Amino acid sequence: MKNKDFNSMTSKIVTDTYNKMDNYFINQVSEKKLAVVYFSSNGIYYPNEYDIFKEYIIEENKFEWTKEGWKLEEAGLNIYIRDIYKQWYVNGINKDINSIDKLVDFINILTKGYKVITVGSSAGGFIATLIGCKINAKYIFNFAGQFDLTFQSIYNDLLVDYLRKNTEYANLKTIVENSKSKVFYFVGSNSFIDARDIQVAHSIRSNIYIFQFNQNIHGIPFILNACEELIKKNEYELEQLYLRYKGKIINRYIFEIYLIGLLDFIKIYMKKLKIKITGKNNGF
């Protein structure tokens, strides 16, 4: 198949993978009773090409958030989930877990007896919020995840078909307000893609902690090193961080320095500058 003929929703290689692969990965590391569920975004592979899909999904079996640095020491169970259709998990993750409700039930069973944290960016943030609220997760990390799918349906045919039949999860406002889970939401305040979701987030009356950054990018609005430190913080530390920045548009660089320290901040950006000047990664 040529790349120009590839479609992430209808190509045979994608549907075969959906039918034959689990599209989840479970990592039990100890008996500690904290489970962290990491949801991959629609950027799990990019661009939408046959060769890229084959390399990332089939050959490398890629999931997001799997690097060692992301793991919480207190977590005995780490679960990684992906949606290879890249359609906000509306068809679940495989032929057996083929809906959002079945995915909720699946995660609920896997994490029975655990305190749960859910993590995701963009579409991963949407489903991390939805499922986290449904199973009463301790708290949720949502990095530029959607709260309203109707805006996304303009560009995604599968969502159009889904929303014609199902409106329960089209907007997460009521789901968040009625949950016992705390949603920590990190987003670029100037991102056109996130504008509608920021509006919905501000309309949510309870259980949400909004961090808006002076960024126009969609996704994690600061360097990944800072994100690694962020998700290691406990609930109290996250609440204190929220109070520090409540009601402010946050400068990402000041936020990064606060999380990783000035020395590491300088080292990281010096490496980035060197790569930009030389065009060589040199293993960084």
C-alpha atoms as a PDB file:
ATOM      1  CA  MET A   1       0.000   0.000   0.000  1.00  0.00           C
ATOM      2  CA  LYS A   2       1.247   3.464  -0.831  1.00  0.00           C
ATOM      3  CA  ASN A   3       1.287   6.051   1.923  1.00  0.00           C
ATOM      4  CA  LYS A   4      -1.122   8.291   0.001  1.00  0.00           C
ATOM      5  CA  ASP A   5      -3.749   5.512   0.178  1.00  0.00           C
ATOM      6  CA  PHE A   6      -3.395   5.055   3.941  1.00  0.00           C
ATOM      7  CA  ASN A   7      -6.375   5.891   6.175  1.00  0.00           C
ATOM      8  CA  SER A   8      -6.038   5.540   9.956  1.00  0.00           C
ATOM      9  CA  MET A   9      -9.670   4.426  10.261  1.00  0.00           C
ATOM     10  CA  THR A  10     -10.183   2.133   7.275  1.00  0.00           C
ATOM     11  CA  SER A  11      -6.835   0.760   6.087  1.00  0.00           C
ATOM     12  CA  LYS A  12      -6.526  -3.005   6.417  1.00  0.00           C
ATOM     13  CA  ILE A  13      -3.327  -2.859   8.443  1.00  0.00           C
ATOM     14  CA  VAL A  14      -5.111  -0.735  11.071  1.00  0.00           C
ATOM     15  CA  THR A  15      -8.277  -2.838  11.243  1.00  0.00           C
ATOM     16  CA  ASP A  16      -6.203  -6.031  11.413  1.00  0.00           C
ATOM     17  CA  THR A  17      -4.171  -4.586  14.274  1.00  0.00           C
ATOM     18  CA  TYR A  18      -7.353  -3.530  16.068  1.00  0.00           C
ATOM     19  CA  ASN A  19      -8.710  -7.075  15.713  1.00  0.00           C
ATOM     20  CA  LYS A  20      -5.519  -8.968  16.597  1.00  0.00           C
ATOM     21  CA  MET A  21      -3.554  -6.861  19.104  1.00  0.00           C
ATOM     22  CA  ASP A  22      -4.491  -5.982  22.695  1.00  0.00           C
ATOM     23  CA  ASN A  23      -3.381  -2.351  22.371  1.00  0.00           C
ATOM     24  CA  TYR A  24      -2.735  -2.223  26.092  1.00  0.00           C
ATOM     25  CA  PHE A  25       0.317  -3.061  28.180  1.00  0.00           C
ATOM     26  CA  ILE A  26       0.336  -3.922  31.890  1.00  0.00           C
ATOM     27  CA  ASN A  27       3.452  -3.469  34.011  1.00  0.00           C
ATOM     28  CA  GLN A  28       3.137  -4.847  37.548  1.00  0.00           C
ATOM     29  CA  VAL A  29       6.242  -3.731  39.435  1.00  0.00           C
ATOM     30  CA  SER A  30       5.333  -4.244  43.095  1.00  0.00           C
ATOM     31  CA  GLU A  31       2.506  -4.940  45.528  1.00  0.00           C
ATOM     32  CA  LYS A  32       1.986  -1.255  46.262  1.00  0.00           C
ATOM     33  CA  LYS A  33      -1.656  -0.296  45.881  1.00  0.00           C
ATOM     34  CA  LEU A  34      -1.328   2.672  43.571  1.00  0.00           C
ATOM     35  CA  ALA A  35      -2.140   2.198  39.885  1.00  0.00           C
ATOM     36  CA  VAL A  36      -1.281   4.738  37.201  1.00  0.00           C
ATOM     37  CA  VAL A  37      -3.086   4.485  33.872  1.00  0.00           C
ATOM     38  CA  TYR A  38      -1.393   6.250  30.955  1.00  0.00           C
ATOM     39  CA  PHE A  39      -3.449   6.975  27.833  1.00  0.00           C
ATOM     40  CA  SER A  40      -1.754   7.648  24.494  1.00  0.00           C
ATOM     41  CA  SER A  41      -2.797  10.607  22.360  1.00  0.00           C
ATOM     42  CA  ASN A  42      -3.690  10.799  18.667  1.00  0.00           C
ATOM     43  CA  GLY A  43       0.006  11.458  18.145  1.00  0.00           C
ATOM     44  CA  ILE A  44       0.823   7.814  18.922  1.00  0.00           C
ATOM     45  CA  TYR A  45       2.069   7.680  15.352  1.00  0.00           C
ATOM     46  CA  TYR A  46       2.579  10.553  12.923  1.00  0.00           C
ATOM     47  CA  PRO A  47       2.256  11.328  10.082  1.00  0.00           C
ATOM     48  CA  ASN A  48      -0.630   9.144   8.935  1.00  0.00           C
ATOM     49  CA  GLU A  49       1.334   6.843   6.702  1.00  0.00           C
ATOM     50  CA  TYR A  50       1.440   3.098   6.198  1.00  0.00           C
ATOM     51  CA  ASP A  51       5.173   2.827   6.858  1.00  0.00           C
ATOM     52  CA  ILE A  52       4.958   4.920  10.011  1.00  0.00           C
ATOM     53  CA  PHE A  53       2.039   2.889  11.379  1.00  0.00           C
ATOM     54  CA  LYS A  54       3.847  -0.370  10.657  1.00  0.00           C
ATOM     55  CA  GLU A  55       7.059   0.832  12.312  1.00  0.00           C
ATOM     56  CA  TYR A  56       5.576   2.418  15.434  1.00  0.00           C
ATOM     57  CA  ILE A  57       2.570   0.230  16.183  1.00  0.00           C
ATOM     58  CA  ILE A  58       3.433  -3.221  14.838  1.00  0.00           C
ATOM     59  CA  GLU A  59       7.226  -3.379  14.934  1.00  0.00           C
ATOM     60  CA  GLU A  60       7.948  -1.183  17.969  1.00  0.00           C
ATOM     61  CA  ASN A  61       4.589  -1.734  19.734  1.00  0.00           C
ATOM     62  CA  LYS A  62       4.713   1.907  20.813  1.00  0.00           C
ATOM     63  CA  PHE A  63       2.821   3.398  23.748  1.00  0.00           C
ATOM     64  CA  GLU A  64       3.214   6.903  25.139  1.00  0.00           C
ATOM     65  CA  TRP A  65       4.521   7.652  28.661  1.00  0.00           C
ATOM     66  CA  THR A  66       6.623   4.461  28.873  1.00  0.00           C
ATOM     67  CA  LYS A  67      10.004   6.052  29.583  1.00  0.00           C
ATOM     68  CA  GLU A  68      11.496   5.088  32.935  1.00  0.00           C
ATOM     69  CA  GLY A  69      11.497   8.678  34.167  1.00  0.00           C
ATOM     70  CA  TRP A  70       7.706   8.900  34.085  1.00  0.00           C
ATOM     71  CA  LYS A  71       7.111   6.086  36.572  1.00  0.00           C
ATOM     72  CA  LEU A  72       5.957   6.961  40.073  1.00  0.00           C
ATOM     73  CA  GLU A  73       7.920   5.090  42.739  1.00  0.00           C
ATOM     74  CA  GLU A  74       4.723   4.602  44.750  1.00  0.00           C
ATOM     75  CA  ALA A  75       2.956   2.910  41.826  1.00  0.00           C
ATOM     76  CA  GLY A  76       2.784  -0.866  41.988  1.00  0.00           C
ATOM     77  CA  LEU A  77       0.821  -1.091  38.740  1.00  0.00           C
ATOM     78  CA  ASN A  78       1.369   0.829  35.501  1.00  0.00           C
ATOM     79  CA  ILE A  79      -1.122   0.420  32.648  1.00  0.00           C
ATOM     80  CA  TYR A  80      -0.575   1.800  29.141  1.00  0.00           C
ATOM     81  CA  ILE A  81      -3.465   2.212  26.685  1.00  0.00           C
ATOM     82  CA  ARG A  82      -3.628   3.349  23.039  1.00  0.00           C
ATOM     83  CA  ASP A  83      -6.281   4.032  20.406  1.00  0.00           C
ATOM     84  CA  ILE A  84      -4.813   3.077  17.026  1.00  0.00           C
ATOM     85  CA  TYR A  85      -7.786   4.609  15.189  1.00  0.00           C
ATOM     86  CA  LYS A  86      -6.815   7.946  16.805  1.00  0.00           C
ATOM     87  CA  GLN A  87     -10.475   8.845  17.376  1.00  0.00           C
ATOM     88  CA  TRP A  88     -10.764   9.658  21.087  1.00  0.00           C
ATOM     89  CA  TYR A  89     -11.267   5.981  21.988  1.00  0.00           C
ATOM     90  CA  VAL A  90     -14.886   5.990  20.792  1.00  0.00           C
ATOM     91  CA  ASN A  91     -14.327   2.478  19.385  1.00  0.00           C
ATOM     92  CA  GLY A  92     -12.371   1.382  22.431  1.00  0.00           C
ATOM     93  CA  ILE A  93      -8.975  -0.209  21.860  1.00  0.00           C
ATOM     94  CA  ASN A  94      -9.578  -3.645  20.277  1.00  0.00           C
ATOM     95  CA  LYS A  95     -12.254  -6.005  18.981  1.00  0.00           C
ATOM     96  CA  ASP A  96     -13.274  -7.083  22.500  1.00  0.00           C
ATOM     97  CA  ILE A  97     -12.918  -3.768  24.311  1.00  0.00           C
ATOM     98  CA  ASN A  98     -14.687  -1.942  21.506  1.00  0.00           C
ATOM     99  CA  SER A  99     -16.392   1.003  23.209  1.00  0.00           C
ATOM    100  CA  ILE A 100     -15.704   3.629  25.843  1.00  0.00           C
ATOM    101  CA  ASP A 101     -18.011   1.877  28.312  1.00  0.00           C
ATOM    102  CA  LYS A 102     -16.175  -1.432  27.878  1.00  0.00           C
ATOM    103  CA  LEU A 103     -12.870   0.389  28.342  1.00  0.00           C
ATOM    104  CA  VAL A 104     -14.195   1.918  31.573  1.00  0.00           C
ATOM    105  CA  ASP A 105     -15.181  -1.546  32.810  1.00  0.00           C
ATOM    106  CA  PHE A 106     -11.824  -3.006  31.769  1.00  0.00           C
ATOM    107  CA  ILE A 107      -9.826  -0.359  33.646  1.00  0.00           C
ATOM    108  CA  ASN A 108     -12.131  -0.679  36.641  1.00  0.00           C
ATOM    109  CA  ILE A 109     -11.471  -4.425  36.845  1.00  0.00           C
ATOM    110  CA  LEU A 110      -7.698  -4.065  36.428  1.00  0.00           C
ATOM    111  CA  THR A 111      -7.462  -1.432  39.169  1.00  0.00           C
ATOM    112  CA  LYS A 112      -9.839  -2.961  41.714  1.00  0.00           C
ATOM    113  CA  GLY A 113      -8.393  -2.474  45.179  1.00  0.00           C
ATOM    114  CA  TYR A 114      -6.013   0.267  43.994  1.00  0.00           C
ATOM    115  CA  LYS A 115      -5.932   4.000  44.327  1.00  0.00           C
ATOM    116  CA  VAL A 116      -5.759   5.269  40.749  1.00  0.00           C
ATOM    117  CA  ILE A 117      -4.149   8.168  38.899  1.00  0.00           C
ATOM    118  CA  THR A 118      -4.875   8.668  35.192  1.00  0.00           C
ATOM    119  CA  VAL A 119      -2.614  10.547  32.782  1.00  0.00           C
ATOM    120  CA  GLY A 120      -3.018  11.718  29.187  1.00  0.00           C
ATOM    121  CA  SER A 121      -2.379  14.460  26.663  1.00  0.00           C
ATOM    122  CA  SER A 122      -4.839  15.695  24.008  1.00  0.00           C
ATOM    123  CA  ALA A 123      -7.122  12.743  23.133  1.00  0.00           C
ATOM    124  CA  GLY A 124      -5.343  10.858  25.904  1.00  0.00           C
ATOM    125  CA  GLY A 125      -6.249  13.672  28.279  1.00  0.00           C
ATOM    126  CA  PHE A 126      -9.886  13.439  27.209  1.00  0.00           C
ATOM    127  CA  ILE A 127     -10.135   9.733  27.959  1.00  0.00           C
ATOM    128  CA  ALA A 128      -7.992  10.007  31.111  1.00  0.00           C
ATOM    129  CA  THR A 129     -10.487  12.563  32.419  1.00  0.00           C
ATOM    130  CA  LEU A 130     -13.565  10.623  31.368  1.00  0.00           C
ATOM    131  CA  ILE A 131     -12.416   7.260  32.719  1.00  0.00           C
ATOM    132  CA  GLY A 132     -10.729   8.764  35.773  1.00  0.00           C
ATOM    133  CA  CYS A 133     -13.991  10.436  36.765  1.00  0.00           C
ATOM    134  CA  LYS A 134     -16.045   7.309  36.033  1.00  0.00           C
ATOM    135  CA  ILE A 135     -13.893   5.063  38.242  1.00  0.00           C
ATOM    136  CA  ASN A 136     -13.290   7.703  40.938  1.00  0.00           C
ATOM    137  CA  ALA A 137      -9.566   8.066  40.344  1.00  0.00           C
ATOM    138  CA  LYS A 138      -7.674   9.823  43.098  1.00  0.00           C
ATOM    139  CA  TYR A 139      -6.725  12.512  40.601  1.00  0.00           C
ATOM    140  CA  ILE A 140      -6.194  13.078  36.881  1.00  0.00           C
ATOM    141  CA  PHE A 141      -3.492  14.723  34.782  1.00  0.00           C
ATOM    142  CA  ASN A 142      -5.052  16.257  31.683  1.00  0.00           C
ATOM    143  CA  PHE A 143      -2.587  17.947  29.333  1.00  0.00           C
ATOM    144  CA  ALA A 144      -4.633  19.895  26.754  1.00  0.00           C
ATOM    145  CA  GLY A 145      -7.232  17.139  26.687  1.00  0.00           C
ATOM    146  CA  GLN A 146     -10.657  17.817  25.233  1.00  0.00           C
ATOM    147  CA  PHE A 147     -13.750  18.489  27.318  1.00  0.00           C
ATOM    148  CA  ASP A 148     -16.058  18.942  24.309  1.00  0.00           C
ATOM    149  CA  LEU A 149     -15.812  16.587  21.311  1.00  0.00           C
ATOM    150  CA  THR A 150     -18.191  18.514  19.071  1.00  0.00           C
ATOM    151  CA  PHE A 151     -15.413  20.844  17.885  1.00  0.00           C
ATOM    152  CA  GLN A 152     -13.238  17.842  16.963  1.00  0.00           C
ATOM    153  CA  SER A 153     -16.057  16.222  15.010  1.00  0.00           C
ATOM    154  CA  ILE A 154     -15.731  18.928  12.355  1.00  0.00           C
ATOM    155  CA  TYR A 155     -12.547  17.211  11.191  1.00  0.00           C
ATOM    156  CA  ASN A 156     -13.195  13.561  12.078  1.00  0.00           C
ATOM    157  CA  ASP A 157     -15.834  11.469  10.318  1.00  0.00           C
ATOM    158  CA  LEU A 158     -15.856   8.699  12.928  1.00  0.00           C
ATOM    159  CA  LEU A 159     -16.682  11.225  15.631  1.00  0.00           C
ATOM    160  CA  VAL A 160     -19.545  12.570  13.531  1.00  0.00           C
ATOM    161  CA  ASP A 161     -21.049   9.077  13.284  1.00  0.00           C
ATOM    162  CA  TYR A 162     -20.424   8.436  16.968  1.00  0.00           C
ATOM    163  CA  LEU A 163     -21.980  11.693  18.183  1.00  0.00           C
ATOM    164  CA  ARG A 164     -25.089  11.115  16.073  1.00  0.00           C
ATOM    165  CA  LYS A 165     -25.822   8.067  18.230  1.00  0.00           C
ATOM    166  CA  ASN A 166     -24.072   8.875  21.504  1.00  0.00           C
ATOM    167  CA  THR A 167     -24.056  12.185  23.335  1.00  0.00           C
ATOM    168  CA  GLU A 168     -23.271  10.936  26.857  1.00  0.00           C
ATOM    169  CA  TYR A 169     -19.550  11.641  26.482  1.00  0.00           C
ATOM    170  CA  ALA A 170     -19.707  14.529  24.019  1.00  0.00           C
ATOM    171  CA  ASN A 171     -19.112  17.014  26.837  1.00  0.00           C
ATOM    172  CA  LEU A 172     -17.377  16.178  30.132  1.00  0.00           C
ATOM    173  CA  LYS A 173     -18.641  19.107  32.218  1.00  0.00           C
ATOM    174  CA  THR A 174     -21.296  17.171  34.146  1.00  0.00           C
ATOM    175  CA  ILE A 175     -19.127  14.061  34.425  1.00  0.00           C
ATOM    176  CA  VAL A 176     -16.347  16.058  36.108  1.00  0.00           C
ATOM    177  CA  GLU A 177     -18.729  17.940  38.397  1.00  0.00           C
ATOM    178  CA  ASN A 178     -20.431  14.727  39.544  1.00  0.00           C
ATOM    179  CA  SER A 179     -17.221  12.808  40.194  1.00  0.00           C
ATOM    180  CA  LYS A 180     -15.030  12.473  43.262  1.00  0.00           C
ATOM    181  CA  SER A 181     -11.862  12.914  41.203  1.00  0.00           C
ATOM    182  CA  LYS A 182      -9.701  16.010  40.911  1.00  0.00           C
ATOM    183  CA  VAL A 183      -8.715  17.065  37.391  1.00  0.00           C
ATOM    184  CA  PHE A 184      -5.435  18.958  37.007  1.00  0.00           C
ATOM    185  CA  TYR A 185      -5.647  20.592  33.579  1.00  0.00           C
ATOM    186  CA  PHE A 186      -2.567  22.085  31.875  1.00  0.00           C
ATOM    187  CA  VAL A 187      -3.089  24.000  28.632  1.00  0.00           C
ATOM    188  CA  GLY A 188      -1.697  26.719  26.367  1.00  0.00           C
ATOM    189  CA  SER A 189      -3.954  29.740  26.781  1.00  0.00           C
ATOM    190  CA  ASN A 190      -3.434  30.924  23.193  1.00  0.00           C
ATOM    191  CA  SER A 191      -3.992  27.598  21.454  1.00  0.00           C
ATOM    192  CA  PHE A 192      -6.776  27.844  18.887  1.00  0.00           C
ATOM    193  CA  ILE A 193      -7.277  24.072  19.070  1.00  0.00           C
ATOM    194  CA  ASP A 194      -7.908  24.307  22.817  1.00  0.00           C
ATOM    195  CA  ALA A 195     -10.056  27.457  22.880  1.00  0.00           C
ATOM    196  CA  ARG A 196     -13.414  25.686  23.178  1.00  0.00           C
ATOM    197  CA  ASP A 197     -12.126  23.220  25.783  1.00  0.00           C
ATOM    198  CA  ILE A 198     -10.654  26.014  27.897  1.00  0.00           C
ATOM    199  CA  GLN A 199     -14.071  27.660  27.834  1.00  0.00           C
ATOM    200  CA  VAL A 200     -15.759  24.442  28.998  1.00  0.00           C
ATOM    201  CA  ALA A 201     -13.107  23.873  31.663  1.00  0.00           C
ATOM    202  CA  HIS A 202     -13.788  27.309  33.155  1.00  0.00           C
ATOM    203  CA  SER A 203     -17.509  26.533  33.257  1.00  0.00           C
ATOM    204  CA  ILE A 204     -16.955  23.412  35.381  1.00  0.00           C
ATOM    205  CA  ARG A 205     -17.980  24.294  38.908  1.00  0.00           C
ATOM    206  CA  SER A 206     -16.014  21.745  40.918  1.00  0.00           C
ATOM    207  CA  ASN A 207     -13.135  19.247  40.883  1.00  0.00           C
ATOM    208  CA  ILE A 208     -11.019  21.088  38.291  1.00  0.00           C
ATOM    209  CA  TYR A 209      -7.691  22.877  38.726  1.00  0.00           C
ATOM    210  CA  ILE A 210      -6.726  24.925  35.661  1.00  0.00           C
ATOM    211  CA  PHE A 211      -3.145  25.855  34.761  1.00  0.00           C
ATOM    212  CA  GLN A 212      -3.001  28.164  31.715  1.00  0.00           C
ATOM    213  CA  PHE A 213       0.335  28.936  30.063  1.00  0.00           C
ATOM    214  CA  ASN A 214       1.476  31.700  27.718  1.00  0.00           C
ATOM    215  CA  GLN A 215       1.654  29.212  24.843  1.00  0.00           C
ATOM    216  CA  ASN A 216      -0.153  28.703  21.545  1.00  0.00           C
ATOM    217  CA  ILE A 217       0.859  25.066  21.085  1.00  0.00           C
ATOM    218  CA  HIS A 218      -1.533  22.157  21.599  1.00  0.00           C
ATOM    219  CA  GLY A 219      -0.217  19.500  23.946  1.00  0.00           C
ATOM    220  CA  ILE A 220       2.059  19.613  26.983  1.00  0.00           C
ATOM    221  CA  PRO A 221       2.826  23.363  27.297  1.00  0.00           C
ATOM    222  CA  PHE A 222       6.312  22.994  28.810  1.00  0.00           C
ATOM    223  CA  ILE A 223       9.408  20.799  28.423  1.00  0.00           C
ATOM    224  CA  LEU A 224       9.080  17.093  29.120  1.00  0.00           C
ATOM    225  CA  ASN A 225      11.685  17.191  31.900  1.00  0.00           C
ATOM    226  CA  ALA A 226       9.345  19.470  33.861  1.00  0.00           C
ATOM    227  CA  CYS A 227       6.409  17.214  33.069  1.00  0.00           C
ATOM    228  CA  GLU A 228       8.300  14.241  34.517  1.00  0.00           C
ATOM    229  CA  GLU A 229       8.726  16.119  37.790  1.00  0.00           C
ATOM    230  CA  LEU A 230       5.145  17.328  37.756  1.00  0.00           C
ATOM    231  CA  ILE A 231       3.478  13.930  37.606  1.00  0.00           C
ATOM    232  CA  LYS A 232       5.588  12.712  40.526  1.00  0.00           C
ATOM    233  CA  LYS A 233       3.948  15.253  42.814  1.00  0.00           C
ATOM    234  CA  ASN A 234       1.296  14.046  45.228  1.00  0.00           C
ATOM    235  CA  GLU A 235      -2.208  15.437  45.554  1.00  0.00           C
ATOM    236  CA  TYR A 236      -1.322  17.957  48.264  1.00  0.00           C
ATOM    237  CA  GLU A 237       1.691  19.234  46.311  1.00  0.00           C
ATOM    238  CA  LEU A 238      -0.431  19.656  43.188  1.00  0.00           C
ATOM    239  CA  GLU A 239      -3.035  21.626  45.109  1.00  0.00           C
ATOM    240  CA  GLN A 240      -0.307  23.886  46.527  1.00  0.00           C
ATOM    241  CA  LEU A 241       1.077  24.353  43.025  1.00  0.00           C
ATOM    242  CA  TYR A 242      -2.385  25.351  41.852  1.00  0.00           C
ATOM    243  CA  LEU A 243      -2.707  27.944  44.619  1.00  0.00           C
ATOM    244  CA  ARG A 244       0.668  29.365  43.588  1.00  0.00           C
ATOM    245  CA  TYR A 245      -0.551  30.015  40.036  1.00  0.00           C
ATOM    246  CA  LYS A 246      -4.320  30.298  40.480  1.00  0.00           C
ATOM    247  CA  GLY A 247      -5.896  32.847  38.128  1.00  0.00           C
ATOM    248  CA  LYS A 248      -2.610  33.598  36.360  1.00  0.00           C
ATOM    249  CA  ILE A 249      -1.369  33.083  32.840  1.00  0.00           C
ATOM    250  CA  ILE A 250       1.805  31.164  33.618  1.00  0.00           C
ATOM    251  CA  ASN A 251       5.178  31.846  32.047  1.00  0.00           C
ATOM    252  CA  ARG A 252       6.375  28.384  30.995  1.00  0.00           C
ATOM    253  CA  TYR A 253      10.046  29.147  31.664  1.00  0.00           C
ATOM    254  CA  ILE A 254       9.436  30.300  35.222  1.00  0.00           C
ATOM    255  CA  PHE A 255       7.272  27.216  35.751  1.00  0.00           C
ATOM    256  CA  GLU A 256      10.015  24.961  34.389  1.00  0.00           C
ATOM    257  CA  ILE A 257      12.652  26.529  36.630  1.00  0.00           C
ATOM    258  CA  TYR A 258      10.393  26.078  39.634  1.00  0.00           C
ATOM    259  CA  LEU A 259       9.946  22.367  38.860  1.00  0.00           C
ATOM    260  CA  ILE A 260      13.423  21.310  37.741  1.00  0.00           C
ATOM    261  CA  GLY A 261      15.696  23.976  39.194  1.00  0.00           C
ATOM    262  CA  LEU A 262      17.742  26.690  37.505  1.00  0.00           C
ATOM    263  CA  LEU A 263      20.852  24.565  36.916  1.00  0.00           C
ATOM    264  CA  ASP A 264      19.021  21.783  35.069  1.00  0.00           C
ATOM    265  CA  PHE A 265      16.991  24.378  33.200  1.00  0.00           C
ATOM    266  CA  ILE A 266      20.195  26.001  31.904  1.00  0.00           C
ATOM    267  CA  LYS A 267      21.713  22.633  30.976  1.00  0.00           C
ATOM    268  CA  ILE A 268      18.631  21.555  29.034  1.00  0.00           C
ATOM    269  CA  TYR A 269      18.296  24.777  27.070  1.00  0.00           C
ATOM    270  CA  MET A 270      22.023  24.913  26.358  1.00  0.00           C
ATOM    271  CA  LYS A 271      21.712  21.448  24.809  1.00  0.00           C
ATOM    272  CA  LYS A 272      18.710  22.589  22.795  1.00  0.00           C
ATOM    273  CA  LEU A 273      20.638  25.644  21.586  1.00  0.00           C
ATOM    274  CA  LYS A 274      23.643  23.513  20.628  1.00  0.00           C
ATOM    275  CA  ILE A 275      21.424  21.151  18.617  1.00  0.00           C
ATOM    276  CA  LYS A 276      19.773  24.096  16.897  1.00  0.00           C
ATOM    277  CA  ILE A 277      23.128  25.640  15.957  1.00  0.00           C
ATOM    278  CA  THR A 278      24.911  22.462  14.906  1.00  0.00           C
ATOM    279  CA  GLY A 279      21.932  20.468  13.684  1.00  0.00           C
ATOM    280  CA  LYS A 280      23.311  17.457  15.544  1.00  0.00           C
ATOM    281  CA  ASN A 281      21.612  15.656  18.385  1.00  0.00           C
ATOM    282  CA  ASN A 282      24.824  14.005  19.678  1.00  0.00           C
ATOM    283  CA  GLY A 283      22.819  11.434  21.584  1.00  0.00           C
ATOM    284  CA  PHE A 284      20.779  13.856  23.684  1.00  0.00           C
END
